[in-house]
Amino acid sequence: MNTFMKLAHDEAVHGSGNGDGGPFGAVIIHQGTVIATAHNEVLKSNDPTAHAEMLAIRKAASVLNRFDLSDCELYTSCEPCPMCLSAIYWARIKTVYYGCTRYDAADIGFDDNAIYEYLKQPALYTDTLKLISLNRDECLAGFQLWRDKADKIIY
């Protein structure tokens, strides 16, 4: 087994064994060195966003003191859910290695794949989630302030 994937797997087993959350672990590597490890802590923290990848990204960003992790790699015990995939994208991580697939996760009761399906055709899932635009014109004023901000940092 790949050394870094084994660390992600061990995190997953440790966390789920402790009752912290589901069997998911993640490791972030920077220049060949492990800088962050995490496992799912949804149950431990009562935080639905406390997925292994999210926690590992937060730790890595803190260690490196920056939000751009484009020179890092992520190893995760399972294919990232859409939330984690978005965080990985925003962190600019270019390479992700994963063990189990979203279909494997579905087989043990996790609904990540349902979100992927929703993203393909949201109109079919209005009973699951409604996205309703409200007060767009007023909210655009805040966007205009950002657009005009001379010292903004794009991320």
N, C-alpha and C. Protein backbone atom coordinates (compact mmCIF):
# COMPACT_ATOMS: atom_id res chain seq x y z
N MET A 1 0.85 -1.18 0.00
CA MET A 1 0.00 0.00 0.00
C MET A 1 0.89 1.24 0.00
N ASN A 2 0.50 2.24 -0.76
CA ASN A 2 1.23 3.50 -0.79
C ASN A 2 1.34 4.05 0.64
N THR A 3 2.50 4.56 1.00
CA THR A 3 2.75 5.04 2.35
C THR A 3 1.77 6.13 2.78
N PHE A 4 1.53 7.11 1.90
CA PHE A 4 0.64 8.21 2.27
C PHE A 4 -0.82 7.75 2.31
N MET A 5 -1.19 6.85 1.39
CA MET A 5 -2.55 6.32 1.42
C MET A 5 -2.77 5.49 2.67
N LYS A 6 -1.73 4.80 3.11
CA LYS A 6 -1.85 4.03 4.36
C LYS A 6 -2.12 4.96 5.53
N LEU A 7 -1.46 6.12 5.55
CA LEU A 7 -1.73 7.09 6.62
C LEU A 7 -3.19 7.57 6.57
N ALA A 8 -3.69 7.83 5.37
CA ALA A 8 -5.09 8.25 5.23
C ALA A 8 -6.02 7.13 5.70
N HIS A 9 -5.73 5.92 5.29
CA HIS A 9 -6.53 4.77 5.70
C HIS A 9 -6.49 4.59 7.21
N ASP A 10 -5.31 4.69 7.80
CA ASP A 10 -5.18 4.54 9.25
C ASP A 10 -5.96 5.62 9.99
N GLU A 11 -5.93 6.85 9.47
CA GLU A 11 -6.74 7.93 10.05
C GLU A 11 -8.22 7.57 10.00
N ALA A 12 -8.66 7.05 8.86
CA ALA A 12 -10.07 6.68 8.68
C ALA A 12 -10.49 5.62 9.70
N VAL A 13 -9.68 4.59 9.84
CA VAL A 13 -9.98 3.50 10.76
C VAL A 13 -9.96 4.00 12.20
N HIS A 14 -8.98 4.82 12.53
CA HIS A 14 -8.86 5.38 13.88
C HIS A 14 -10.09 6.22 14.23
N GLY A 15 -10.44 7.13 13.34
CA GLY A 15 -11.56 8.03 13.60
C GLY A 15 -12.89 7.31 13.72
N SER A 16 -13.15 6.40 12.80
CA SER A 16 -14.43 5.69 12.86
C SER A 16 -14.45 4.73 14.05
N GLY A 17 -13.29 4.17 14.38
CA GLY A 17 -13.20 3.29 15.56
C GLY A 17 -13.48 4.03 16.85
N ASN A 18 -13.10 5.30 16.91
CA ASN A 18 -13.35 6.13 18.09
C ASN A 18 -14.77 6.69 18.13
N GLY A 19 -15.51 6.53 17.04
CA GLY A 19 -16.85 7.09 16.98
C GLY A 19 -16.86 8.56 16.60
N ASP A 20 -15.74 9.06 16.06
CA ASP A 20 -15.66 10.48 15.67
C ASP A 20 -16.50 10.80 14.45
N GLY A 21 -16.64 9.82 13.57
CA GLY A 21 -17.38 10.02 12.32
C GLY A 21 -17.19 8.82 11.41
N GLY A 22 -17.55 9.01 10.16
CA GLY A 22 -17.44 7.92 9.19
C GLY A 22 -16.01 7.54 8.89
N PRO A 23 -15.82 6.45 8.13
CA PRO A 23 -14.49 5.90 7.87
C PRO A 23 -13.73 6.64 6.77
N PHE A 24 -13.42 7.89 7.04
CA PHE A 24 -12.75 8.72 6.04
C PHE A 24 -11.52 9.38 6.66
N GLY A 25 -10.39 9.30 5.97
CA GLY A 25 -9.15 9.92 6.42
C GLY A 25 -8.47 10.62 5.27
N ALA A 26 -7.68 11.65 5.62
CA ALA A 26 -6.98 12.42 4.59
C ALA A 26 -5.62 12.85 5.09
N VAL A 27 -4.70 13.00 4.15
CA VAL A 27 -3.32 13.42 4.43
C VAL A 27 -2.92 14.42 3.36
N ILE A 28 -2.27 15.50 3.76
CA ILE A 28 -1.75 16.48 2.79
C ILE A 28 -0.24 16.47 2.87
N ILE A 29 0.36 16.41 1.68
CA ILE A 29 1.81 16.31 1.52
C ILE A 29 2.32 17.60 0.87
N HIS A 30 3.39 18.15 1.43
CA HIS A 30 4.04 19.32 0.84
C HIS A 30 5.52 19.00 0.68
N GLN A 31 5.98 19.02 -0.54
CA GLN A 31 7.38 18.73 -0.86
C GLN A 31 7.85 17.42 -0.24
N GLY A 32 7.00 16.40 -0.35
CA GLY A 32 7.33 15.07 0.12
C GLY A 32 7.14 14.84 1.61
N THR A 33 6.68 15.84 2.33
CA THR A 33 6.52 15.74 3.78
C THR A 33 5.05 15.86 4.18
N VAL A 34 4.64 15.03 5.10
CA VAL A 34 3.28 15.11 5.64
C VAL A 34 3.15 16.38 6.46
N ILE A 35 2.21 17.25 6.11
CA ILE A 35 2.00 18.47 6.89
C ILE A 35 0.64 18.50 7.58
N ALA A 36 -0.27 17.58 7.18
CA ALA A 36 -1.58 17.55 7.82
C ALA A 36 -2.19 16.16 7.67
N THR A 37 -2.78 15.69 8.74
CA THR A 37 -3.56 14.46 8.72
C THR A 37 -4.88 14.76 9.43
N ALA A 38 -5.92 14.09 8.99
CA ALA A 38 -7.22 14.29 9.62
C ALA A 38 -8.13 13.11 9.29
N HIS A 39 -9.14 12.97 10.12
CA HIS A 39 -10.20 12.01 9.85
C HIS A 39 -11.54 12.69 10.06
N ASN A 40 -12.58 12.05 9.58
CA ASN A 40 -13.92 12.61 9.70
C ASN A 40 -14.28 12.79 11.18
N GLU A 41 -14.77 13.99 11.52
CA GLU A 41 -15.16 14.30 12.90
C GLU A 41 -16.59 14.85 12.97
N VAL A 42 -17.42 14.45 12.03
CA VAL A 42 -18.80 14.96 11.99
C VAL A 42 -19.53 14.65 13.29
N LEU A 43 -19.43 13.43 13.77
CA LEU A 43 -20.14 13.04 14.99
C LEU A 43 -19.50 13.65 16.24
N LYS A 44 -18.19 13.68 16.27
CA LYS A 44 -17.47 14.22 17.42
C LYS A 44 -17.78 15.70 17.63
N SER A 45 -17.86 16.46 16.54
CA SER A 45 -18.01 17.91 16.64
C SER A 45 -19.43 18.39 16.33
N ASN A 46 -20.31 17.48 15.91
CA ASN A 46 -21.65 17.87 15.45
C ASN A 46 -21.57 18.92 14.36
N ASP A 47 -20.57 18.78 13.50
CA ASP A 47 -20.33 19.71 12.40
C ASP A 47 -20.41 18.93 11.09
N PRO A 48 -21.45 19.15 10.29
CA PRO A 48 -21.58 18.39 9.05
C PRO A 48 -20.49 18.67 8.03
N THR A 49 -19.69 19.71 8.25
CA THR A 49 -18.58 20.01 7.33
C THR A 49 -17.25 19.44 7.82
N ALA A 50 -17.24 18.74 8.92
CA ALA A 50 -15.99 18.24 9.49
C ALA A 50 -15.53 16.95 8.81
N HIS A 51 -15.46 16.99 7.49
CA HIS A 51 -14.95 15.86 6.71
C HIS A 51 -13.43 15.86 6.78
N ALA A 52 -12.85 14.70 6.57
CA ALA A 52 -11.40 14.54 6.67
C ALA A 52 -10.65 15.53 5.77
N GLU A 53 -11.10 15.66 4.52
CA GLU A 53 -10.40 16.55 3.59
C GLU A 53 -10.49 18.00 4.04
N MET A 54 -11.65 18.40 4.51
CA MET A 54 -11.85 19.78 4.96
C MET A 54 -10.91 20.08 6.14
N LEU A 55 -10.87 19.17 7.10
CA LEU A 55 -10.03 19.38 8.28
C LEU A 55 -8.54 19.37 7.90
N ALA A 56 -8.17 18.49 6.99
CA ALA A 56 -6.77 18.44 6.55
C ALA A 56 -6.38 19.72 5.82
N ILE A 57 -7.27 20.24 4.99
CA ILE A 57 -6.99 21.49 4.28
C ILE A 57 -6.82 22.63 5.27
N ARG A 58 -7.68 22.70 6.27
CA ARG A 58 -7.57 23.75 7.29
C ARG A 58 -6.23 23.66 8.02
N LYS A 59 -5.84 22.44 8.38
CA LYS A 59 -4.56 22.25 9.08
C LYS A 59 -3.38 22.65 8.18
N ALA A 60 -3.40 22.19 6.92
CA ALA A 60 -2.30 22.49 6.00
C ALA A 60 -2.18 23.98 5.76
N ALA A 61 -3.30 24.65 5.57
CA ALA A 61 -3.28 26.11 5.36
C ALA A 61 -2.71 26.81 6.58
N SER A 62 -3.02 26.31 7.75
CA SER A 62 -2.49 26.89 8.99
C SER A 62 -0.98 26.65 9.10
N VAL A 63 -0.54 25.45 8.79
CA VAL A 63 0.89 25.12 8.85
C VAL A 63 1.69 25.99 7.88
N LEU A 64 1.18 26.13 6.66
CA LEU A 64 1.89 26.91 5.64
C LEU A 64 1.59 28.41 5.72
N ASN A 65 0.60 28.76 6.51
CA ASN A 65 0.19 30.15 6.69
C ASN A 65 -0.21 30.81 5.36
N ARG A 66 -1.00 30.04 4.57
CA ARG A 66 -1.50 30.55 3.29
C ARG A 66 -2.67 29.70 2.83
N PHE A 67 -3.49 30.29 1.98
CA PHE A 67 -4.66 29.56 1.49
C PHE A 67 -4.38 28.82 0.19
N ASP A 68 -3.31 29.14 -0.49
CA ASP A 68 -2.95 28.50 -1.76
C ASP A 68 -2.11 27.26 -1.48
N LEU A 69 -2.69 26.10 -1.69
CA LEU A 69 -2.00 24.83 -1.46
C LEU A 69 -1.65 24.14 -2.78
N SER A 70 -1.39 24.95 -3.80
CA SER A 70 -1.17 24.40 -5.14
C SER A 70 0.09 23.54 -5.23
N ASP A 71 0.98 23.66 -4.28
CA ASP A 71 2.19 22.83 -4.29
C ASP A 71 2.06 21.64 -3.34
N CYS A 72 0.83 21.28 -3.02
CA CYS A 72 0.56 20.14 -2.13
C CYS A 72 -0.20 19.06 -2.89
N GLU A 73 -0.17 17.86 -2.33
CA GLU A 73 -0.96 16.74 -2.83
C GLU A 73 -1.83 16.25 -1.69
N LEU A 74 -2.98 15.69 -2.04
CA LEU A 74 -3.89 15.17 -1.03
C LEU A 74 -4.12 13.69 -1.26
N TYR A 75 -4.03 12.92 -0.21
CA TYR A 75 -4.36 11.50 -0.23
C TYR A 75 -5.57 11.32 0.67
N THR A 76 -6.59 10.66 0.15
CA THR A 76 -7.81 10.48 0.92
C THR A 76 -8.32 9.06 0.75
N SER A 77 -8.89 8.53 1.80
CA SER A 77 -9.33 7.13 1.77
C SER A 77 -10.54 6.91 0.88
N CYS A 78 -11.20 8.00 0.47
CA CYS A 78 -12.38 7.87 -0.39
C CYS A 78 -12.46 9.05 -1.34
N GLU A 79 -13.02 8.82 -2.49
CA GLU A 79 -13.25 9.89 -3.47
C GLU A 79 -13.97 11.05 -2.77
N PRO A 80 -13.48 12.26 -2.91
CA PRO A 80 -14.07 13.40 -2.19
C PRO A 80 -15.52 13.67 -2.58
N CYS A 81 -16.31 14.03 -1.57
CA CYS A 81 -17.68 14.46 -1.83
C CYS A 81 -17.64 15.82 -2.52
N PRO A 82 -18.75 16.30 -3.05
CA PRO A 82 -18.75 17.60 -3.74
C PRO A 82 -18.28 18.76 -2.85
N MET A 83 -18.60 18.76 -1.57
CA MET A 83 -18.15 19.84 -0.69
C MET A 83 -16.62 19.82 -0.59
N CYS A 84 -16.08 18.65 -0.34
CA CYS A 84 -14.62 18.53 -0.21
C CYS A 84 -13.94 18.80 -1.54
N LEU A 85 -14.53 18.33 -2.62
CA LEU A 85 -13.97 18.58 -3.94
C LEU A 85 -13.90 20.09 -4.21
N SER A 86 -14.92 20.81 -3.80
CA SER A 86 -14.92 22.27 -3.96
C SER A 86 -13.81 22.90 -3.13
N ALA A 87 -13.64 22.45 -1.89
CA ALA A 87 -12.57 22.99 -1.04
C ALA A 87 -11.20 22.67 -1.63
N ILE A 88 -11.05 21.48 -2.16
CA ILE A 88 -9.79 21.09 -2.81
C ILE A 88 -9.52 22.01 -3.99
N TYR A 89 -10.54 22.26 -4.78
CA TYR A 89 -10.41 23.16 -5.92
C TYR A 89 -10.01 24.56 -5.46
N TRP A 90 -10.71 25.10 -4.46
CA TRP A 90 -10.41 26.45 -3.97
C TRP A 90 -9.04 26.54 -3.30
N ALA A 91 -8.56 25.43 -2.74
CA ALA A 91 -7.22 25.41 -2.16
C ALA A 91 -6.15 25.26 -3.25
N ARG A 92 -6.60 25.02 -4.48
CA ARG A 92 -5.73 24.90 -5.65
C ARG A 92 -4.87 23.63 -5.64
N ILE A 93 -5.28 22.64 -4.86
CA ILE A 93 -4.56 21.37 -4.85
C ILE A 93 -4.78 20.72 -6.22
N LYS A 94 -3.69 20.33 -6.86
CA LYS A 94 -3.77 19.85 -8.24
C LYS A 94 -3.88 18.34 -8.37
N THR A 95 -3.43 17.61 -7.34
CA THR A 95 -3.46 16.15 -7.43
C THR A 95 -4.07 15.57 -6.16
N VAL A 96 -5.06 14.70 -6.38
CA VAL A 96 -5.73 14.00 -5.29
C VAL A 96 -5.68 12.51 -5.59
N TYR A 97 -5.19 11.75 -4.64
CA TYR A 97 -5.21 10.30 -4.74
C TYR A 97 -6.30 9.80 -3.79
N TYR A 98 -7.17 8.92 -4.26
CA TYR A 98 -8.22 8.41 -3.39
C TYR A 98 -8.31 6.90 -3.46
N GLY A 99 -8.80 6.31 -2.37
CA GLY A 99 -8.95 4.86 -2.28
C GLY A 99 -10.31 4.42 -2.79
N CYS A 100 -11.29 4.41 -1.91
CA CYS A 100 -12.65 3.98 -2.27
C CYS A 100 -13.32 5.02 -3.15
N THR A 101 -14.36 4.58 -3.87
CA THR A 101 -15.11 5.48 -4.74
C THR A 101 -16.37 5.98 -4.04
N ARG A 102 -17.02 6.97 -4.65
CA ARG A 102 -18.29 7.47 -4.12
C ARG A 102 -19.34 6.36 -4.11
N TYR A 103 -19.23 5.41 -5.03
CA TYR A 103 -20.17 4.29 -5.07
C TYR A 103 -19.93 3.33 -3.92
N ASP A 104 -18.66 3.15 -3.55
CA ASP A 104 -18.33 2.36 -2.36
C ASP A 104 -18.93 3.02 -1.12
N ALA A 105 -18.84 4.35 -1.05
CA ALA A 105 -19.41 5.09 0.08
C ALA A 105 -20.93 4.93 0.11
N ALA A 106 -21.55 4.96 -1.04
CA ALA A 106 -23.01 4.78 -1.11
C ALA A 106 -23.39 3.38 -0.61
N ASP A 107 -22.57 2.39 -0.91
CA ASP A 107 -22.85 1.01 -0.49
C ASP A 107 -22.85 0.85 1.03
N ILE A 108 -22.19 1.77 1.76
CA ILE A 108 -22.19 1.68 3.22
C ILE A 108 -23.04 2.78 3.86
N GLY A 109 -23.87 3.43 3.04
CA GLY A 109 -24.86 4.34 3.59
C GLY A 109 -24.59 5.83 3.48
N PHE A 110 -23.53 6.23 2.79
CA PHE A 110 -23.23 7.65 2.62
C PHE A 110 -23.79 8.14 1.30
N ASP A 111 -24.35 9.36 1.29
CA ASP A 111 -25.12 9.82 0.13
C ASP A 111 -24.38 10.83 -0.75
N ASP A 112 -23.08 10.77 -0.80
CA ASP A 112 -22.30 11.68 -1.64
C ASP A 112 -22.77 11.65 -3.08
N ASN A 113 -23.04 10.47 -3.59
CA ASN A 113 -23.42 10.34 -4.98
C ASN A 113 -24.74 11.07 -5.27
N ALA A 114 -25.62 11.14 -4.28
CA ALA A 114 -26.88 11.86 -4.47
C ALA A 114 -26.61 13.34 -4.76
N ILE A 115 -25.57 13.89 -4.14
CA ILE A 115 -25.23 15.30 -4.39
C ILE A 115 -24.67 15.45 -5.80
N TYR A 116 -23.83 14.51 -6.23
CA TYR A 116 -23.34 14.54 -7.61
C TYR A 116 -24.51 14.51 -8.59
N GLU A 117 -25.50 13.68 -8.32
CA GLU A 117 -26.67 13.60 -9.20
C GLU A 117 -27.46 14.90 -9.17
N TYR A 118 -27.60 15.50 -8.00
CA TYR A 118 -28.30 16.77 -7.88
C TYR A 118 -27.62 17.84 -8.75
N LEU A 119 -26.30 17.88 -8.69
CA LEU A 119 -25.55 18.89 -9.45
C LEU A 119 -25.74 18.73 -10.95
N LYS A 120 -25.98 17.51 -11.40
CA LYS A 120 -26.21 17.28 -12.84
C LYS A 120 -27.54 17.86 -13.29
N GLN A 121 -28.58 17.71 -12.48
CA GLN A 121 -29.93 18.14 -12.88
C GLN A 121 -30.71 18.63 -11.66
N PRO A 122 -30.38 19.82 -11.15
CA PRO A 122 -31.05 20.30 -9.94
C PRO A 122 -32.56 20.44 -10.07
N ALA A 123 -33.06 20.67 -11.26
CA ALA A 123 -34.51 20.83 -11.44
C ALA A 123 -35.28 19.55 -11.07
N LEU A 124 -34.61 18.42 -11.12
CA LEU A 124 -35.27 17.15 -10.78
C LEU A 124 -35.36 16.92 -9.27
N TYR A 125 -34.67 17.75 -8.49
CA TYR A 125 -34.56 17.49 -7.05
C TYR A 125 -35.10 18.63 -6.21
N THR A 126 -36.14 19.31 -6.66
CA THR A 126 -36.68 20.45 -5.91
C THR A 126 -37.29 20.02 -4.58
N ASP A 127 -37.62 18.74 -4.42
CA ASP A 127 -38.12 18.27 -3.14
C ASP A 127 -36.98 18.07 -2.14
N THR A 128 -35.75 18.00 -2.62
CA THR A 128 -34.58 17.81 -1.78
C THR A 128 -33.98 19.14 -1.34
N LEU A 129 -33.84 20.07 -2.28
CA LEU A 129 -33.23 21.36 -2.01
C LEU A 129 -33.78 22.38 -2.98
N LYS A 130 -34.21 23.49 -2.43
CA LYS A 130 -34.69 24.59 -3.27
C LYS A 130 -33.67 25.72 -3.22
N LEU A 131 -33.24 26.19 -4.37
CA LEU A 131 -32.36 27.35 -4.48
C LEU A 131 -33.18 28.48 -5.05
N ILE A 132 -33.38 29.54 -4.27
CA ILE A 132 -34.26 30.63 -4.66
C ILE A 132 -33.49 31.94 -4.63
N SER A 133 -33.39 32.59 -5.76
CA SER A 133 -32.72 33.89 -5.83
C SER A 133 -33.60 34.95 -5.16
N LEU A 134 -32.98 35.81 -4.35
CA LEU A 134 -33.72 36.82 -3.60
C LEU A 134 -32.87 38.08 -3.46
N ASN A 135 -33.41 39.21 -3.79
CA ASN A 135 -32.77 40.51 -3.64
C ASN A 135 -31.42 40.61 -4.34
N ARG A 136 -31.34 40.10 -5.54
CA ARG A 136 -30.08 40.12 -6.29
C ARG A 136 -29.56 41.53 -6.49
N ASP A 137 -30.41 42.47 -6.89
CA ASP A 137 -29.94 43.83 -7.18
C ASP A 137 -29.29 44.46 -5.95
N GLU A 138 -29.89 44.29 -4.79
CA GLU A 138 -29.32 44.86 -3.57
C GLU A 138 -27.99 44.18 -3.23
N CYS A 139 -27.93 42.89 -3.41
CA CYS A 139 -26.71 42.15 -3.10
C CYS A 139 -25.58 42.46 -4.07
N LEU A 140 -25.92 42.82 -5.29
CA LEU A 140 -24.89 43.20 -6.27
C LEU A 140 -24.10 44.43 -5.81
N ALA A 141 -24.69 45.26 -4.95
CA ALA A 141 -23.98 46.44 -4.45
C ALA A 141 -22.71 46.02 -3.69
N GLY A 142 -22.80 44.95 -2.91
CA GLY A 142 -21.62 44.44 -2.21
C GLY A 142 -20.57 43.91 -3.17
N PHE A 143 -21.03 43.28 -4.25
CA PHE A 143 -20.10 42.81 -5.27
C PHE A 143 -19.39 43.98 -5.94
N GLN A 144 -20.13 45.05 -6.17
CA GLN A 144 -19.54 46.24 -6.79
C GLN A 144 -18.45 46.83 -5.89
N LEU A 145 -18.69 46.84 -4.59
CA LEU A 145 -17.67 47.33 -3.65
C LEU A 145 -16.39 46.50 -3.77
N TRP A 146 -16.56 45.19 -3.88
CA TRP A 146 -15.40 44.31 -4.04
C TRP A 146 -14.71 44.57 -5.37
N ARG A 147 -15.49 44.68 -6.44
CA ARG A 147 -14.92 44.93 -7.76
C ARG A 147 -14.06 46.19 -7.75
N ASP A 148 -14.52 47.23 -7.03
CA ASP A 148 -13.83 48.52 -7.00
C ASP A 148 -12.71 48.60 -5.97
N LYS A 149 -12.59 47.60 -5.11
CA LYS A 149 -11.59 47.61 -4.03
C LYS A 149 -10.19 47.51 -4.63
N ALA A 150 -9.38 48.52 -4.39
CA ALA A 150 -8.06 48.61 -5.01
C ALA A 150 -7.07 47.59 -4.42
N ASP A 151 -7.20 47.28 -3.14
CA ASP A 151 -6.22 46.40 -2.47
C ASP A 151 -6.74 44.98 -2.24
N LYS A 152 -7.69 44.53 -3.05
CA LYS A 152 -8.24 43.18 -2.86
C LYS A 152 -7.22 42.12 -3.23
N ILE A 153 -7.35 40.99 -2.59
CA ILE A 153 -6.51 39.84 -2.89
C ILE A 153 -7.44 38.77 -3.48
N ILE A 154 -7.22 38.45 -4.72
CA ILE A 154 -8.04 37.44 -5.39
C ILE A 154 -7.63 36.05 -4.90
N TYR A 155 -8.60 35.24 -4.61
CA TYR A 155 -8.32 33.87 -4.18
C TYR A 155 -9.24 32.91 -4.86
